[in-house]
Amino acid sequence: MKKWIVLIVVVVVAVGAYIAADTYLFQKKHESPSPGENVHIIQREEAVPQADADVQQVPVQRPATITEIPIPRKESEKSFAELKAELDAVCTEIEKKDYMKAYDLEGGLLEHLDALIEKLAYRPPVVSGETRDLYSLLSNAAHFYRVLGKNDIMMFKDILSHEHSRIEPLMALTFHYLVKGSAGHQLNVNSGQLYEYAGFFLNTLGGQSYLYRRDSVTRTLTKYYSVLILDMADRETMNPYGIDIRPHLTLIQEDLRNLGVLKNRDEYLARLKEIESLVMR
C-alpha cells in the first residue's frame, strides 16, 4: 500500500512539474488572449512596446493580408495541389513577418512544416494504456517537446499568437491539407497516424493537458477536427483503440455553443449534428 501511495505522489509531482515548466518557461509571455477572454491578463505582464501591446490586446482588430481562406465543406471539394498552393501562399506571407525572422527557416515555412509533420507521424504518442506506467504518462505529457524541441514549439506558439485573428480558416486549411495529403499518399503521413493524434487529444491525459493550456478557441477547434478524424476512422472501420465518439460529440457541441466568437460556429455544429445523426442510428 505504501509503495502505491509513493508512486501516486511521484506521478502527481512529475506531471505538475511539467505543466508548470510549460506554463512558465515555454509559454510566450505576451501570448494574446483569445477573443472573448479577459484582456486584463495582459495588464499583469511585464511592460512591452506600445505597438506590440496594442496588437496583443485587440488581436481581432489587427489587419491581416489574407483575411479569408475558404473553408471546404467536404474533403473532396479541392485537390491536394490546390490546398497546397493556398497553404504555401499563407506560409510565404507568414515567414516574412518580423516575429518569424528569429527562426531562420531553411527552405521556407511550408517545407519546414512538412518535415515536422513527418517527424510527428513516425513518433506518435501513447494513445492506449497511457496510465499503466509512469514512463508512458510522462512521455505523453512532454510529447511535443520531446519530438519537436523547444525552438519549434516556440515557433508554433508565436504563429498561434500572432495569427489568432484568422485561426479558423488557417486550421481548416491545414486540416484539409493533412486529410487530402494522407489519403492520396502525397504527404509522409497516413490516415492511421492522424487517428493516433486525434485519439491523443481526445482520449489521453497528456493530450488534454496540452489543450487545457491553450486558449479556448484553439482548444475547441483542435477537438472539433480531432472528432472529424475519428469519424473518418469509424467510417473506414479503422478505430483500433475503440474510442467512443459519442461523448466527444456531446461535449464539443456544448463547448461550441458556449464559444460565441467563432465565425463558423453554425457550420461546425451542423457538421457535428450530421455525424451524431448517423452514429445514433
C-alpha atoms as a PDB file:
ATOM      1  CA  MET A   1       0.000   0.000   0.000  1.00  0.00           C
ATOM      2  CA  LYS A   2       2.825   2.396   0.896  1.00  0.00           C
ATOM      3  CA  LYS A   3       4.509   1.724  -2.463  1.00  0.00           C
ATOM      4  CA  TRP A   4       1.315   2.651  -4.312  1.00  0.00           C
ATOM      5  CA  ILE A   5       0.968   5.859  -2.311  1.00  0.00           C
ATOM      6  CA  VAL A   6       4.569   6.799  -3.101  1.00  0.00           C
ATOM      7  CA  LEU A   7       4.022   6.039  -6.823  1.00  0.00           C
ATOM      8  CA  ILE A   8       0.878   8.195  -6.964  1.00  0.00           C
ATOM      9  CA  VAL A   9       2.694  11.087  -5.268  1.00  0.00           C
ATOM     10  CA  VAL A  10       5.594  10.803  -7.713  1.00  0.00           C
ATOM     11  CA  VAL A  11       3.222  10.834 -10.725  1.00  0.00           C
ATOM     12  CA  VAL A  12       1.321  13.873  -9.451  1.00  0.00           C
ATOM     13  CA  VAL A  13       4.512  15.796  -8.686  1.00  0.00           C
ATOM     14  CA  ALA A  14       6.115  14.903 -12.021  1.00  0.00           C
ATOM     15  CA  VAL A  15       3.105  15.874 -14.119  1.00  0.00           C
ATOM     16  CA  GLY A  16       2.634  19.047 -12.089  1.00  0.00           C
ATOM     17  CA  ALA A  17       6.272  19.963 -12.594  1.00  0.00           C
ATOM     18  CA  TYR A  18       5.991  19.527 -16.348  1.00  0.00           C
ATOM     19  CA  ILE A  19       2.836  21.626 -16.586  1.00  0.00           C
ATOM     20  CA  ALA A  20       4.479  24.359 -14.520  1.00  0.00           C
ATOM     21  CA  ALA A  21       7.545  24.276 -16.742  1.00  0.00           C
ATOM     22  CA  ASP A  22       5.450  24.522 -19.897  1.00  0.00           C
ATOM     23  CA  THR A  23       3.405  27.356 -18.492  1.00  0.00           C
ATOM     24  CA  TYR A  24       6.222  29.496 -17.113  1.00  0.00           C
ATOM     25  CA  LEU A  25       9.199  28.587 -19.294  1.00  0.00           C
ATOM     26  CA  PHE A  26       7.912  27.616 -22.727  1.00  0.00           C
ATOM     27  CA  GLN A  27       4.777  29.763 -22.975  1.00  0.00           C
ATOM     28  CA  LYS A  28       5.204  33.160 -24.643  1.00  0.00           C
ATOM     29  CA  LYS A  29       4.885  35.836 -22.004  1.00  0.00           C
ATOM     30  CA  HIS A  30       2.921  38.090 -24.320  1.00  0.00           C
ATOM     31  CA  GLU A  31       0.714  35.497 -25.936  1.00  0.00           C
ATOM     32  CA  SER A  32      -2.548  37.112 -26.964  1.00  0.00           C
ATOM     33  CA  PRO A  33      -5.770  36.025 -25.273  1.00  0.00           C
ATOM     34  CA  SER A  34      -8.472  34.515 -27.417  1.00  0.00           C
ATOM     35  CA  PRO A  35     -11.350  36.805 -28.403  1.00  0.00           C
ATOM     36  CA  GLY A  36     -13.869  36.974 -25.597  1.00  0.00           C
ATOM     37  CA  GLU A  37     -11.345  36.137 -22.873  1.00  0.00           C
ATOM     38  CA  ASN A  38     -10.339  38.706 -20.243  1.00  0.00           C
ATOM     39  CA  VAL A  39      -7.879  41.241 -21.621  1.00  0.00           C
ATOM     40  CA  HIS A  40      -6.788  42.219 -18.113  1.00  0.00           C
ATOM     41  CA  ILE A  41      -4.369  39.273 -18.241  1.00  0.00           C
ATOM     42  CA  ILE A  42      -2.182  41.470 -20.472  1.00  0.00           C
ATOM     43  CA  GLN A  43      -2.035  44.121 -17.806  1.00  0.00           C
ATOM     44  CA  ARG A  44      -0.264  41.741 -15.427  1.00  0.00           C
ATOM     45  CA  GLU A  45       2.540  41.135 -17.922  1.00  0.00           C
ATOM     46  CA  GLU A  46       5.862  42.933 -17.985  1.00  0.00           C
ATOM     47  CA  ALA A  47       5.987  46.188 -19.920  1.00  0.00           C
ATOM     48  CA  VAL A  48       6.190  45.757 -23.684  1.00  0.00           C
ATOM     49  CA  PRO A  49       6.497  48.261 -26.519  1.00  0.00           C
ATOM     50  CA  GLN A  50       3.214  50.057 -27.068  1.00  0.00           C
ATOM     51  CA  ALA A  51       2.779  48.792 -30.624  1.00  0.00           C
ATOM     52  CA  ASP A  52       3.113  45.172 -29.528  1.00  0.00           C
ATOM     53  CA  ALA A  53       0.805  45.723 -26.567  1.00  0.00           C
ATOM     54  CA  ASP A  54      -1.896  47.081 -28.859  1.00  0.00           C
ATOM     55  CA  VAL A  55      -1.689  44.030 -31.083  1.00  0.00           C
ATOM     56  CA  GLN A  56      -1.892  41.672 -28.147  1.00  0.00           C
ATOM     57  CA  GLN A  57      -4.854  43.388 -26.519  1.00  0.00           C
ATOM     58  CA  VAL A  58      -7.064  43.562 -29.616  1.00  0.00           C
ATOM     59  CA  PRO A  59      -5.998  40.712 -31.896  1.00  0.00           C
ATOM     60  CA  VAL A  60      -9.347  40.640 -33.688  1.00  0.00           C
ATOM     61  CA  GLN A  61      -8.765  44.177 -34.986  1.00  0.00           C
ATOM     62  CA  ARG A  62      -5.274  43.515 -36.377  1.00  0.00           C
ATOM     63  CA  PRO A  63      -5.317  43.705 -40.187  1.00  0.00           C
ATOM     64  CA  ALA A  64      -4.265  40.545 -41.979  1.00  0.00           C
ATOM     65  CA  THR A  65      -3.035  40.255 -45.547  1.00  0.00           C
ATOM     66  CA  ILE A  66      -5.056  37.086 -46.101  1.00  0.00           C
ATOM     67  CA  THR A  67      -8.306  37.561 -44.243  1.00  0.00           C
ATOM     68  CA  GLU A  68     -10.465  34.933 -45.883  1.00  0.00           C
ATOM     69  CA  ILE A  69      -9.416  31.384 -46.701  1.00  0.00           C
ATOM     70  CA  PRO A  70     -12.386  29.352 -47.980  1.00  0.00           C
ATOM     71  CA  ILE A  71     -13.306  26.509 -45.664  1.00  0.00           C
ATOM     72  CA  PRO A  72     -14.192  23.486 -47.836  1.00  0.00           C
ATOM     73  CA  ARG A  73     -17.465  21.919 -46.747  1.00  0.00           C
ATOM     74  CA  LYS A  74     -16.201  18.427 -47.607  1.00  0.00           C
ATOM     75  CA  GLU A  75     -12.759  16.926 -48.060  1.00  0.00           C
ATOM     76  CA  SER A  76     -13.246  16.252 -51.791  1.00  0.00           C
ATOM     77  CA  GLU A  77     -14.040  19.812 -52.870  1.00  0.00           C
ATOM     78  CA  LYS A  78     -10.426  20.788 -53.532  1.00  0.00           C
ATOM     79  CA  SER A  79      -7.460  18.882 -54.871  1.00  0.00           C
ATOM     80  CA  PHE A  80      -4.302  18.436 -52.847  1.00  0.00           C
ATOM     81  CA  ALA A  81      -2.450  20.691 -55.308  1.00  0.00           C
ATOM     82  CA  GLU A  82      -4.975  23.491 -54.733  1.00  0.00           C
ATOM     83  CA  LEU A  83      -4.800  23.132 -50.958  1.00  0.00           C
ATOM     84  CA  LYS A  84      -1.002  23.059 -51.041  1.00  0.00           C
ATOM     85  CA  ALA A  85      -0.886  26.213 -53.183  1.00  0.00           C
ATOM     86  CA  GLU A  86      -3.154  28.027 -50.695  1.00  0.00           C
ATOM     87  CA  LEU A  87      -1.123  26.872 -47.704  1.00  0.00           C
ATOM     88  CA  ASP A  88       2.115  27.782 -49.453  1.00  0.00           C
ATOM     89  CA  ALA A  89       0.811  31.321 -50.053  1.00  0.00           C
ATOM     90  CA  VAL A  90      -0.086  31.672 -46.378  1.00  0.00           C
ATOM     91  CA  CYS A  91       3.265  30.263 -45.229  1.00  0.00           C
ATOM     92  CA  THR A  92       5.155  32.600 -47.582  1.00  0.00           C
ATOM     93  CA  GLU A  93       3.313  35.565 -46.102  1.00  0.00           C
ATOM     94  CA  ILE A  94       3.853  34.453 -42.515  1.00  0.00           C
ATOM     95  CA  GLU A  95       7.553  33.694 -42.863  1.00  0.00           C
ATOM     96  CA  LYS A  96       8.198  37.296 -43.972  1.00  0.00           C
ATOM     97  CA  LYS A  97       6.820  38.750 -40.750  1.00  0.00           C
ATOM     98  CA  ASP A  98       9.131  40.170 -38.113  1.00  0.00           C
ATOM     99  CA  TYR A  99       8.315  37.622 -35.425  1.00  0.00           C
ATOM    100  CA  MET A 100       9.389  34.768 -37.729  1.00  0.00           C
ATOM    101  CA  LYS A 101      12.833  36.172 -38.511  1.00  0.00           C
ATOM    102  CA  ALA A 102      14.289  34.704 -35.316  1.00  0.00           C
ATOM    103  CA  TYR A 103      13.682  31.155 -36.571  1.00  0.00           C
ATOM    104  CA  ASP A 104      15.723  31.473 -39.796  1.00  0.00           C
ATOM    105  CA  LEU A 105      13.987  28.613 -41.606  1.00  0.00           C
ATOM    106  CA  GLU A 106      15.821  26.964 -44.475  1.00  0.00           C
ATOM    107  CA  GLY A 107      13.640  26.126 -47.466  1.00  0.00           C
ATOM    108  CA  GLY A 108      10.654  28.095 -46.236  1.00  0.00           C
ATOM    109  CA  LEU A 109       7.876  27.548 -43.708  1.00  0.00           C
ATOM    110  CA  LEU A 110       5.822  25.025 -45.712  1.00  0.00           C
ATOM    111  CA  GLU A 111       8.816  22.768 -46.296  1.00  0.00           C
ATOM    112  CA  HIS A 112       9.647  23.002 -42.589  1.00  0.00           C
ATOM    113  CA  LEU A 113       6.064  22.147 -41.633  1.00  0.00           C
ATOM    114  CA  ASP A 114       6.071  19.110 -43.924  1.00  0.00           C
ATOM    115  CA  ALA A 115       9.252  17.888 -42.233  1.00  0.00           C
ATOM    116  CA  LEU A 116       7.684  18.344 -38.783  1.00  0.00           C
ATOM    117  CA  ILE A 117       4.540  16.506 -39.907  1.00  0.00           C
ATOM    118  CA  GLU A 118       6.676  13.538 -40.914  1.00  0.00           C
ATOM    119  CA  LYS A 119       8.603  13.659 -37.644  1.00  0.00           C
ATOM    120  CA  LEU A 120       5.389  13.653 -35.594  1.00  0.00           C
ATOM    121  CA  ALA A 121       3.805  10.941 -37.744  1.00  0.00           C
ATOM    122  CA  TYR A 122       6.570   8.451 -37.079  1.00  0.00           C
ATOM    123  CA  ARG A 123       6.962   9.244 -33.388  1.00  0.00           C
ATOM    124  CA  PRO A 124       3.338   9.047 -32.209  1.00  0.00           C
ATOM    125  CA  PRO A 125       2.155   9.482 -28.610  1.00  0.00           C
ATOM    126  CA  VAL A 126       0.751   6.708 -26.442  1.00  0.00           C
ATOM    127  CA  VAL A 127      -2.999   6.515 -27.043  1.00  0.00           C
ATOM    128  CA  SER A 128      -3.950   3.329 -25.208  1.00  0.00           C
ATOM    129  CA  GLY A 129      -2.592   2.334 -21.791  1.00  0.00           C
ATOM    130  CA  GLU A 130      -1.133   5.741 -21.002  1.00  0.00           C
ATOM    131  CA  THR A 131      -1.655   5.324 -17.251  1.00  0.00           C
ATOM    132  CA  ARG A 132      -0.253   1.800 -16.962  1.00  0.00           C
ATOM    133  CA  ASP A 133       3.245   3.023 -16.148  1.00  0.00           C
ATOM    134  CA  LEU A 134       4.957   6.243 -15.157  1.00  0.00           C
ATOM    135  CA  TYR A 135       7.141   6.375 -18.276  1.00  0.00           C
ATOM    136  CA  SER A 136       4.157   6.394 -20.671  1.00  0.00           C
ATOM    137  CA  LEU A 137       2.371   9.055 -18.636  1.00  0.00           C
ATOM    138  CA  LEU A 138       5.359  11.393 -18.518  1.00  0.00           C
ATOM    139  CA  SER A 139       6.241  10.650 -22.136  1.00  0.00           C
ATOM    140  CA  ASN A 140       2.773  11.766 -23.236  1.00  0.00           C
ATOM    141  CA  ALA A 141       2.879  14.849 -21.020  1.00  0.00           C
ATOM    142  CA  ALA A 142       6.054  16.005 -22.785  1.00  0.00           C
ATOM    143  CA  HIS A 143       5.312  14.517 -26.213  1.00  0.00           C
ATOM    144  CA  PHE A 144       5.601  17.575 -28.440  1.00  0.00           C
ATOM    145  CA  TYR A 145       8.593  18.923 -26.562  1.00  0.00           C
ATOM    146  CA  ARG A 146      10.392  15.589 -26.919  1.00  0.00           C
ATOM    147  CA  VAL A 147       9.626  15.192 -30.630  1.00  0.00           C
ATOM    148  CA  LEU A 148       9.875  18.784 -31.867  1.00  0.00           C
ATOM    149  CA  GLY A 149      12.117  20.527 -29.381  1.00  0.00           C
ATOM    150  CA  LYS A 150      11.827  23.937 -27.770  1.00  0.00           C
ATOM    151  CA  ASN A 151      12.546  26.041 -30.893  1.00  0.00           C
ATOM    152  CA  ASP A 152       9.733  24.564 -32.999  1.00  0.00           C
ATOM    153  CA  ILE A 153       7.304  24.691 -30.086  1.00  0.00           C
ATOM    154  CA  MET A 154       8.059  28.382 -29.627  1.00  0.00           C
ATOM    155  CA  MET A 155       7.576  28.932 -33.372  1.00  0.00           C
ATOM    156  CA  PHE A 156       4.129  27.311 -33.302  1.00  0.00           C
ATOM    157  CA  LYS A 157       3.141  29.350 -30.262  1.00  0.00           C
ATOM    158  CA  ASP A 158       4.310  32.524 -31.998  1.00  0.00           C
ATOM    159  CA  ILE A 159       2.244  31.694 -35.079  1.00  0.00           C
ATOM    160  CA  LEU A 160      -0.841  30.881 -32.989  1.00  0.00           C
ATOM    161  CA  SER A 161      -0.419  34.134 -31.070  1.00  0.00           C
ATOM    162  CA  HIS A 162       0.207  36.484 -33.991  1.00  0.00           C
ATOM    163  CA  GLU A 163      -2.268  34.853 -36.418  1.00  0.00           C
ATOM    164  CA  HIS A 164      -5.008  34.261 -33.878  1.00  0.00           C
ATOM    165  CA  SER A 165      -7.476  36.587 -35.602  1.00  0.00           C
ATOM    166  CA  ARG A 166      -7.690  34.157 -38.540  1.00  0.00           C
ATOM    167  CA  ILE A 167      -7.188  30.873 -36.748  1.00  0.00           C
ATOM    168  CA  GLU A 168     -10.429  29.365 -38.098  1.00  0.00           C
ATOM    169  CA  PRO A 169      -9.545  29.429 -41.811  1.00  0.00           C
ATOM    170  CA  LEU A 170      -5.916  28.556 -41.084  1.00  0.00           C
ATOM    171  CA  MET A 171      -6.850  25.470 -39.072  1.00  0.00           C
ATOM    172  CA  ALA A 172      -9.426  24.458 -41.680  1.00  0.00           C
ATOM    173  CA  LEU A 173      -6.877  24.750 -44.471  1.00  0.00           C
ATOM    174  CA  THR A 174      -4.280  22.768 -42.505  1.00  0.00           C
ATOM    175  CA  PHE A 175      -6.822  20.056 -41.652  1.00  0.00           C
ATOM    176  CA  HIS A 176      -7.871  19.542 -45.274  1.00  0.00           C
ATOM    177  CA  TYR A 177      -4.242  19.645 -46.404  1.00  0.00           C
ATOM    178  CA  LEU A 178      -3.421  16.809 -43.989  1.00  0.00           C
ATOM    179  CA  VAL A 179      -6.509  14.751 -44.851  1.00  0.00           C
ATOM    180  CA  LYS A 180      -6.149  15.114 -48.610  1.00  0.00           C
ATOM    181  CA  GLY A 181      -2.383  14.589 -48.488  1.00  0.00           C
ATOM    182  CA  SER A 182      -2.645  11.454 -46.364  1.00  0.00           C
ATOM    183  CA  ALA A 183      -5.445   9.965 -48.487  1.00  0.00           C
ATOM    184  CA  GLY A 184      -3.510  10.481 -51.715  1.00  0.00           C
ATOM    185  CA  HIS A 185      -0.117   9.474 -50.259  1.00  0.00           C
ATOM    186  CA  GLN A 186       1.211  12.927 -51.095  1.00  0.00           C
ATOM    187  CA  LEU A 187       2.405  13.611 -47.560  1.00  0.00           C
ATOM    188  CA  ASN A 188       4.571  11.476 -45.297  1.00  0.00           C
ATOM    189  CA  VAL A 189       1.627  10.805 -43.013  1.00  0.00           C
ATOM    190  CA  ASN A 190      -1.264   8.354 -43.332  1.00  0.00           C
ATOM    191  CA  SER A 191      -4.808   8.341 -42.015  1.00  0.00           C
ATOM    192  CA  GLY A 192      -3.862   5.931 -39.227  1.00  0.00           C
ATOM    193  CA  GLN A 193      -1.285   8.388 -37.913  1.00  0.00           C
ATOM    194  CA  LEU A 194      -3.819  11.218 -37.998  1.00  0.00           C
ATOM    195  CA  TYR A 195      -6.110   8.944 -35.967  1.00  0.00           C
ATOM    196  CA  GLU A 196      -3.336   8.462 -33.387  1.00  0.00           C
ATOM    197  CA  TYR A 197      -3.165  12.197 -32.747  1.00  0.00           C
ATOM    198  CA  ALA A 198      -6.943  12.590 -32.718  1.00  0.00           C
ATOM    199  CA  GLY A 199      -7.073   9.896 -30.039  1.00  0.00           C
ATOM    200  CA  PHE A 200      -4.239  11.584 -28.162  1.00  0.00           C
ATOM    201  CA  PHE A 201      -6.075  14.918 -27.929  1.00  0.00           C
ATOM    202  CA  LEU A 202      -9.475  13.421 -27.158  1.00  0.00           C
ATOM    203  CA  ASN A 203      -8.695  10.417 -25.011  1.00  0.00           C
ATOM    204  CA  THR A 204      -5.467  10.847 -23.032  1.00  0.00           C
ATOM    205  CA  LEU A 205      -4.381  12.873 -20.037  1.00  0.00           C
ATOM    206  CA  GLY A 206      -1.306  14.097 -21.908  1.00  0.00           C
ATOM    207  CA  GLY A 207      -3.314  15.329 -24.891  1.00  0.00           C
ATOM    208  CA  GLN A 208      -5.950  17.003 -22.767  1.00  0.00           C
ATOM    209  CA  SER A 209      -3.307  18.697 -20.613  1.00  0.00           C
ATOM    210  CA  TYR A 210      -1.842  20.254 -23.769  1.00  0.00           C
ATOM    211  CA  LEU A 211      -5.235  21.531 -24.874  1.00  0.00           C
ATOM    212  CA  TYR A 212      -6.171  22.990 -21.500  1.00  0.00           C
ATOM    213  CA  ARG A 213      -3.016  25.093 -21.552  1.00  0.00           C
ATOM    214  CA  ARG A 214      -4.153  26.647 -24.836  1.00  0.00           C
ATOM    215  CA  ASP A 215      -6.798  29.335 -25.304  1.00  0.00           C
ATOM    216  CA  SER A 216     -10.435  28.288 -25.634  1.00  0.00           C
ATOM    217  CA  VAL A 217     -10.625  28.844 -29.411  1.00  0.00           C
ATOM    218  CA  THR A 218      -7.525  26.781 -30.223  1.00  0.00           C
ATOM    219  CA  ARG A 219      -8.612  24.082 -27.779  1.00  0.00           C
ATOM    220  CA  THR A 220     -12.152  23.785 -29.137  1.00  0.00           C
ATOM    221  CA  LEU A 221     -11.124  23.778 -32.807  1.00  0.00           C
ATOM    222  CA  THR A 222      -8.474  21.123 -32.146  1.00  0.00           C
ATOM    223  CA  LYS A 223     -11.108  18.926 -30.510  1.00  0.00           C
ATOM    224  CA  TYR A 224     -13.523  19.583 -33.379  1.00  0.00           C
ATOM    225  CA  TYR A 225     -11.065  18.469 -36.058  1.00  0.00           C
ATOM    226  CA  SER A 226      -9.998  15.507 -33.919  1.00  0.00           C
ATOM    227  CA  VAL A 227     -13.629  14.365 -33.864  1.00  0.00           C
ATOM    228  CA  LEU A 228     -13.825  14.690 -37.660  1.00  0.00           C
ATOM    229  CA  ILE A 229     -10.763  12.448 -37.961  1.00  0.00           C
ATOM    230  CA  LEU A 230     -12.244   9.962 -35.503  1.00  0.00           C
ATOM    231  CA  ASP A 231     -15.471   9.939 -37.539  1.00  0.00           C
ATOM    232  CA  MET A 232     -13.497   9.180 -40.713  1.00  0.00           C
ATOM    233  CA  ALA A 233     -11.733   6.353 -38.902  1.00  0.00           C
ATOM    234  CA  ASP A 234     -15.083   4.933 -37.780  1.00  0.00           C
ATOM    235  CA  ARG A 235     -16.477   5.064 -41.320  1.00  0.00           C
ATOM    236  CA  GLU A 236     -13.398   3.241 -42.601  1.00  0.00           C
ATOM    237  CA  THR A 237     -13.693   0.702 -39.725  1.00  0.00           C
ATOM    238  CA  MET A 238     -10.269   1.788 -38.565  1.00  0.00           C
ATOM    239  CA  ASN A 239     -10.705   2.528 -34.870  1.00  0.00           C
ATOM    240  CA  PRO A 240      -8.289   0.058 -33.243  1.00  0.00           C
ATOM    241  CA  TYR A 241      -8.487   1.690 -29.811  1.00  0.00           C
ATOM    242  CA  GLY A 242     -12.274   1.577 -29.822  1.00  0.00           C
ATOM    243  CA  ILE A 243     -12.630   5.257 -28.937  1.00  0.00           C
ATOM    244  CA  ASP A 244     -16.321   6.084 -28.480  1.00  0.00           C
ATOM    245  CA  ILE A 245     -17.119   9.214 -30.491  1.00  0.00           C
ATOM    246  CA  ARG A 246     -20.490   9.868 -28.855  1.00  0.00           C
ATOM    247  CA  PRO A 247     -19.408  11.574 -25.595  1.00  0.00           C
ATOM    248  CA  HIS A 248     -16.976  13.762 -27.535  1.00  0.00           C
ATOM    249  CA  LEU A 249     -19.738  14.856 -29.902  1.00  0.00           C
ATOM    250  CA  THR A 250     -21.847  15.960 -26.933  1.00  0.00           C
ATOM    251  CA  LEU A 251     -19.025  17.790 -25.156  1.00  0.00           C
ATOM    252  CA  ILE A 252     -17.714  19.629 -28.207  1.00  0.00           C
ATOM    253  CA  GLN A 253     -21.190  20.789 -29.235  1.00  0.00           C
ATOM    254  CA  GLU A 254     -21.588  22.237 -25.759  1.00  0.00           C
ATOM    255  CA  ASP A 255     -18.186  23.948 -25.992  1.00  0.00           C
ATOM    256  CA  LEU A 256     -19.090  25.434 -29.371  1.00  0.00           C
ATOM    257  CA  ARG A 257     -22.423  26.778 -28.114  1.00  0.00           C
ATOM    258  CA  ASN A 258     -20.609  28.497 -25.242  1.00  0.00           C
ATOM    259  CA  LEU A 259     -17.979  29.996 -27.552  1.00  0.00           C
ATOM    260  CA  GLY A 260     -19.711  32.824 -29.367  1.00  0.00           C
ATOM    261  CA  VAL A 261     -16.615  34.280 -31.040  1.00  0.00           C
ATOM    262  CA  LEU A 262     -16.287  31.625 -33.750  1.00  0.00           C
ATOM    263  CA  LYS A 263     -17.362  32.922 -37.162  1.00  0.00           C
ATOM    264  CA  ASN A 264     -18.208  29.452 -38.494  1.00  0.00           C
ATOM    265  CA  ARG A 265     -19.768  28.077 -35.318  1.00  0.00           C
ATOM    266  CA  ASP A 266     -23.075  27.194 -37.002  1.00  0.00           C
ATOM    267  CA  GLU A 267     -21.248  25.236 -39.678  1.00  0.00           C
ATOM    268  CA  TYR A 268     -19.265  23.287 -37.077  1.00  0.00           C
ATOM    269  CA  LEU A 269     -22.417  22.478 -35.129  1.00  0.00           C
ATOM    270  CA  ALA A 270     -24.230  21.368 -38.283  1.00  0.00           C
ATOM    271  CA  ARG A 271     -21.386  19.031 -39.190  1.00  0.00           C
ATOM    272  CA  LEU A 272     -21.360  17.511 -35.698  1.00  0.00           C
ATOM    273  CA  LYS A 273     -25.149  17.092 -35.774  1.00  0.00           C
ATOM    274  CA  GLU A 274     -24.821  15.276 -39.079  1.00  0.00           C
ATOM    275  CA  ILE A 275     -22.248  12.906 -37.596  1.00  0.00           C
ATOM    276  CA  GLU A 276     -24.370  12.451 -34.469  1.00  0.00           C
ATOM    277  CA  SER A 277     -27.461  11.507 -36.504  1.00  0.00           C
ATOM    278  CA  LEU A 278     -25.501   8.740 -38.243  1.00  0.00           C
ATOM    279  CA  VAL A 279     -23.832   7.460 -35.066  1.00  0.00           C
ATOM    280  CA  MET A 280     -27.094   7.280 -33.127  1.00  0.00           C
ATOM    281  CA  ARG A 281     -28.889   5.140 -35.737  1.00  0.00           C
END
